[in-house]
C-alpha atoms as a PDB file:
ATOM      1  CA  MET A   1       4.096  16.313  -9.874  1.00  0.00           C
ATOM      2  CA  LYS A   2       2.843  17.479  -6.364  1.00  0.00           C
ATOM      3  CA  ARG A   3       0.187  16.145  -4.130  1.00  0.00           C
ATOM      4  CA  LYS A   4      -0.213  17.126  -0.763  1.00  0.00           C
ATOM      5  CA  ALA A   5      -1.765  15.605   2.447  1.00  0.00           C
ATOM      6  CA  SER A   6      -2.093  17.113   6.086  1.00  0.00           C
ATOM      7  CA  ALA A   7      -2.436  16.129   9.318  1.00  0.00           C
ATOM      8  CA  SER A   8      -3.983  17.010  12.536  1.00  0.00           C
ATOM      9  CA  TRP A   9      -3.685  15.997  16.072  1.00  0.00           C
ATOM     10  CA  ARG A  10      -4.950  17.642  19.398  1.00  0.00           C
ATOM     11  CA  GLY A  11      -4.455  16.046  23.029  1.00  0.00           C
ATOM     12  CA  ASP A  12      -1.810  13.803  24.289  1.00  0.00           C
ATOM     13  CA  LEU A  13      -1.536  10.219  22.666  1.00  0.00           C
ATOM     14  CA  LYS A  14      -2.976   7.825  24.566  1.00  0.00           C
ATOM     15  CA  THR A  15      -6.235   9.648  25.302  1.00  0.00           C
ATOM     16  CA  GLY A  16      -5.915  12.518  22.041  1.00  0.00           C
ATOM     17  CA  HIS A  17      -6.908  12.285  18.469  1.00  0.00           C
ATOM     18  CA  GLY A  18      -6.180  13.888  14.757  1.00  0.00           C
ATOM     19  CA  SER A  19      -7.703  14.283  11.509  1.00  0.00           C
ATOM     20  CA  LEU A  20      -5.940  13.471   8.090  1.00  0.00           C
ATOM     21  CA  THR A  21      -7.316  15.429   5.219  1.00  0.00           C
ATOM     22  CA  THR A  22      -6.289  14.850   1.729  1.00  0.00           C
ATOM     23  CA  ASP A  23      -6.113  18.018  -1.440  1.00  0.00           C
ATOM     24  CA  SER A  24      -8.224  15.169  -3.317  1.00  0.00           C
ATOM     25  CA  GLY A  25     -10.852  15.748  -0.799  1.00  0.00           C
ATOM     26  CA  VAL A  26     -11.048  11.879  -0.960  1.00  0.00           C
ATOM     27  CA  LEU A  27     -10.390  12.096   2.978  1.00  0.00           C
ATOM     28  CA  LYS A  28     -11.846  15.506   4.404  1.00  0.00           C
ATOM     29  CA  GLU A  29     -11.096  15.752   8.564  1.00  0.00           C
ATOM     30  CA  THR A  30     -10.861  11.669   8.717  1.00  0.00           C
ATOM     31  CA  GLN A  31     -10.122  10.177  12.073  1.00  0.00           C
ATOM     32  CA  TYR A  32      -6.901   8.282  13.592  1.00  0.00           C
ATOM     33  CA  SER A  33      -5.994   7.883  16.842  1.00  0.00           C
ATOM     34  CA  PHE A  34      -3.923   6.057  19.503  1.00  0.00           C
ATOM     35  CA  GLY A  35      -6.349   3.191  19.126  1.00  0.00           C
ATOM     36  CA  THR A  36      -7.011   3.005  15.546  1.00  0.00           C
ATOM     37  CA  ARG A  37      -3.472   2.983  15.036  1.00  0.00           C
ATOM     38  CA  PHE A  38      -2.548   0.328  17.498  1.00  0.00           C
ATOM     39  CA  GLU A  39      -5.145  -1.376  18.864  1.00  0.00           C
ATOM     40  CA  HIS A  40      -9.051  -1.379  17.022  1.00  0.00           C
ATOM     41  CA  GLY A  41     -10.858   1.797  17.247  1.00  0.00           C
ATOM     42  CA  ILE A  42     -12.802   3.629  14.183  1.00  0.00           C
ATOM     43  CA  GLY A  43     -11.060   5.107  11.773  1.00  0.00           C
ATOM     44  CA  THR A  44      -7.726   4.637   9.735  1.00  0.00           C
ATOM     45  CA  ASN A  45      -3.768   4.994  10.654  1.00  0.00           C
ATOM     46  CA  PRO A  46      -0.924   5.902   8.618  1.00  0.00           C
ATOM     47  CA  GLU A  47       0.070   2.433   7.990  1.00  0.00           C
ATOM     48  CA  GLU A  48      -3.531   1.500   6.734  1.00  0.00           C
ATOM     49  CA  LEU A  49      -2.774   4.051   4.171  1.00  0.00           C
ATOM     50  CA  ILE A  50       0.274   3.534   3.242  1.00  0.00           C
ATOM     51  CA  GLY A  51      -0.754  -0.138   2.208  1.00  0.00           C
ATOM     52  CA  ALA A  52      -3.728   1.293   0.157  1.00  0.00           C
ATOM     53  CA  ALA A  53      -1.680   3.864  -1.551  1.00  0.00           C
ATOM     54  CA  HIS A  54       0.809   0.673  -2.059  1.00  0.00           C
ATOM     55  CA  ALA A  55      -1.495  -1.342  -3.270  1.00  0.00           C
ATOM     56  CA  GLY A  56      -3.280   0.684  -5.189  1.00  0.00           C
ATOM     57  CA  CYS A  57       0.533   1.915  -7.077  1.00  0.00           C
ATOM     58  CA  PHE A  58       1.455  -1.880  -7.672  1.00  0.00           C
ATOM     59  CA  SER A  59      -2.037  -2.063  -9.504  1.00  0.00           C
ATOM     60  CA  MET A  60      -1.238   0.459 -12.088  1.00  0.00           C
ATOM     61  CA  ALA A  61       2.699  -0.596 -12.441  1.00  0.00           C
ATOM     62  CA  LEU A  62       1.890  -4.162 -13.215  1.00  0.00           C
ATOM     63  CA  CYS A  63      -0.900  -3.196 -15.576  1.00  0.00           C
ATOM     64  CA  ALA A  64       1.409  -0.785 -17.526  1.00  0.00           C
ATOM     65  CA  GLU A  65       4.211  -3.008 -17.362  1.00  0.00           C
ATOM     66  CA  LEU A  66       1.968  -6.078 -18.504  1.00  0.00           C
ATOM     67  CA  GLN A  67       0.089  -3.796 -21.363  1.00  0.00           C
ATOM     68  CA  LYS A  68       4.238  -2.942 -22.628  1.00  0.00           C
ATOM     69  CA  ALA A  69       4.521  -6.722 -22.547  1.00  0.00           C
ATOM     70  CA  GLY A  70       1.674  -7.044 -24.621  1.00  0.00           C
ATOM     71  CA  PHE A  71      -0.927  -8.231 -22.911  1.00  0.00           C
ATOM     72  CA  THR A  72      -4.496  -6.336 -21.641  1.00  0.00           C
ATOM     73  CA  PRO A  73      -5.123  -7.557 -17.762  1.00  0.00           C
ATOM     74  CA  GLU A  74      -9.016  -7.994 -17.767  1.00  0.00           C
ATOM     75  CA  ALA A  75      -8.940  -7.305 -13.608  1.00  0.00           C
ATOM     76  CA  ILE A  76      -5.862  -7.032 -10.924  1.00  0.00           C
ATOM     77  CA  ASP A  77      -6.434  -7.205  -7.481  1.00  0.00           C
ATOM     78  CA  THR A  78      -4.081  -6.094  -4.616  1.00  0.00           C
ATOM     79  CA  HIS A  79      -4.178  -6.535  -1.086  1.00  0.00           C
ATOM     80  CA  ALA A  80      -0.875  -4.767   1.103  1.00  0.00           C
ATOM     81  CA  THR A  81      -0.531  -5.853   4.603  1.00  0.00           C
ATOM     82  CA  VAL A  82       2.188  -3.624   6.252  1.00  0.00           C
ATOM     83  CA  THR A  83       3.385  -5.193   9.153  1.00  0.00           C
ATOM     84  CA  LEU A  84       4.278  -2.267  12.291  1.00  0.00           C
ATOM     85  CA  GLU A  85       6.439  -3.797  14.902  1.00  0.00           C
ATOM     86  CA  ASN A  86       8.027  -2.445  17.890  1.00  0.00           C
ATOM     87  CA  HIS A  87      11.502  -2.674  17.595  1.00  0.00           C
ATOM     88  CA  PRO A  88      13.951  -2.501  20.908  1.00  0.00           C
ATOM     89  CA  GLN A  89      16.044  -0.225  19.832  1.00  0.00           C
ATOM     90  CA  ASN A  90      14.747   1.749  16.848  1.00  0.00           C
ATOM     91  CA  GLY A  91      11.033   1.503  18.644  1.00  0.00           C
ATOM     92  CA  TRP A  92       7.556   1.341  16.384  1.00  0.00           C
ATOM     93  CA  THR A  93       9.136   0.891  12.308  1.00  0.00           C
ATOM     94  CA  VAL A  94       7.191  -0.197   9.617  1.00  0.00           C
ATOM     95  CA  SER A  95       9.882  -3.496   8.836  1.00  0.00           C
ATOM     96  CA  ARG A  96       7.591  -5.146   5.614  1.00  0.00           C
ATOM     97  CA  VAL A  97       4.535  -5.521   3.413  1.00  0.00           C
ATOM     98  CA  HIS A  98       3.512  -7.986   1.755  1.00  0.00           C
ATOM     99  CA  LEU A  99       1.533  -7.766  -1.762  1.00  0.00           C
ATOM    100  CA  ASP A 100      -1.072 -10.177  -2.846  1.00  0.00           C
ATOM    101  CA  THR A 101      -2.078 -10.388  -5.790  1.00  0.00           C
ATOM    102  CA  LYS A 102      -4.664 -11.612  -8.466  1.00  0.00           C
ATOM    103  CA  ALA A 103      -4.657 -11.296 -12.053  1.00  0.00           C
ATOM    104  CA  LYS A 104      -7.088 -11.870 -14.930  1.00  0.00           C
ATOM    105  CA  VAL A 105      -4.339 -11.445 -18.302  1.00  0.00           C
ATOM    106  CA  PRO A 106      -5.818 -14.089 -20.842  1.00  0.00           C
ATOM    107  CA  GLU A 107      -3.197 -15.649 -22.977  1.00  0.00           C
ATOM    108  CA  ILE A 108      -0.331 -15.229 -20.430  1.00  0.00           C
ATOM    109  CA  THR A 109       1.958 -17.991 -19.148  1.00  0.00           C
ATOM    110  CA  VAL A 110       2.372 -18.300 -15.646  1.00  0.00           C
ATOM    111  CA  SER A 111       6.382 -17.831 -15.757  1.00  0.00           C
ATOM    112  CA  ARG A 112       5.858 -14.246 -17.649  1.00  0.00           C
ATOM    113  CA  PHE A 113       3.000 -13.088 -15.231  1.00  0.00           C
ATOM    114  CA  MET A 114       5.657 -13.935 -12.789  1.00  0.00           C
ATOM    115  CA  GLU A 115       8.466 -12.058 -14.287  1.00  0.00           C
ATOM    116  CA  ILE A 116       6.149  -8.757 -15.291  1.00  0.00           C
ATOM    117  CA  ALA A 117       4.695  -9.081 -11.818  1.00  0.00           C
ATOM    118  CA  ILE A 118       7.917  -9.331 -10.152  1.00  0.00           C
ATOM    119  CA  GLY A 119       9.515  -6.480 -12.565  1.00  0.00           C
ATOM    120  CA  ALA A 120       6.774  -4.402 -11.266  1.00  0.00           C
ATOM    121  CA  LYS A 121       7.175  -5.115  -7.657  1.00  0.00           C
ATOM    122  CA  ALA A 122      10.351  -3.116  -8.247  1.00  0.00           C
ATOM    123  CA  GLY A 123       9.698  -0.453 -10.310  1.00  0.00           C
ATOM    124  CA  CYS A 124       6.343   0.293  -8.256  1.00  0.00           C
ATOM    125  CA  PRO A 125       7.249   3.683  -7.140  1.00  0.00           C
ATOM    126  CA  ILE A 126       6.017   3.302  -3.857  1.00  0.00           C
ATOM    127  CA  SER A 127       7.680   0.450  -3.517  1.00  0.00           C
ATOM    128  CA  ARG A 128      10.774   2.506  -5.032  1.00  0.00           C
ATOM    129  CA  LEU A 129       9.773   4.667  -1.397  1.00  0.00           C
ATOM    130  CA  LEU A 130       9.088   2.344   0.812  1.00  0.00           C
ATOM    131  CA  LYS A 131      12.994   0.519   2.645  1.00  0.00           C
ATOM    132  CA  ALA A 132      10.946  -2.103   4.575  1.00  0.00           C
ATOM    133  CA  GLU A 133      11.209  -5.821   2.735  1.00  0.00           C
ATOM    134  CA  ILE A 134       8.559  -6.306  -0.020  1.00  0.00           C
ATOM    135  CA  SER A 135       6.847  -9.797  -0.280  1.00  0.00           C
ATOM    136  CA  MET A 136       4.853 -10.406  -2.926  1.00  0.00           C
ATOM    137  CA  ASP A 137       2.358 -13.410  -3.763  1.00  0.00           C
ATOM    138  CA  ALA A 138       0.939 -12.955  -7.413  1.00  0.00           C
ATOM    139  CA  GLN A 139      -1.602 -15.745  -9.081  1.00  0.00           C
ATOM    140  CA  LEU A 140      -3.043 -15.767 -12.558  1.00  0.00           C
ATOM    141  CA  GLY A 141      -6.849 -15.781 -11.627  1.00  0.00           C
END
């Protein structure tokens, strides 16, 4: 399976702008720029999109692992915080991702839920892709 997305950039780094498009059409010439990445401009940025991808991937991985263990979640809500830092030696680097998930899962203990959540974090394809530190807080709700 292959998924495709494209980016287009025009102009210099600080005053230029770009657009992102996905083959699915969910993103279609979605604006991004220096301002949306390093300041608070209108549009998106790569780190925000990584966060969305990781939150979505982890939620699905957690659901799958819960089902494998015999539990059916009623709800899973995950927020991902992606940290972008400017390191003197390496420049701008995504240094960590923190997943904050809350799940409603009938008839599961907190310890069993945490065991499954930790496994899902390690097994999620986006977690395996990222080389940054990935931490997590998981709660039953």
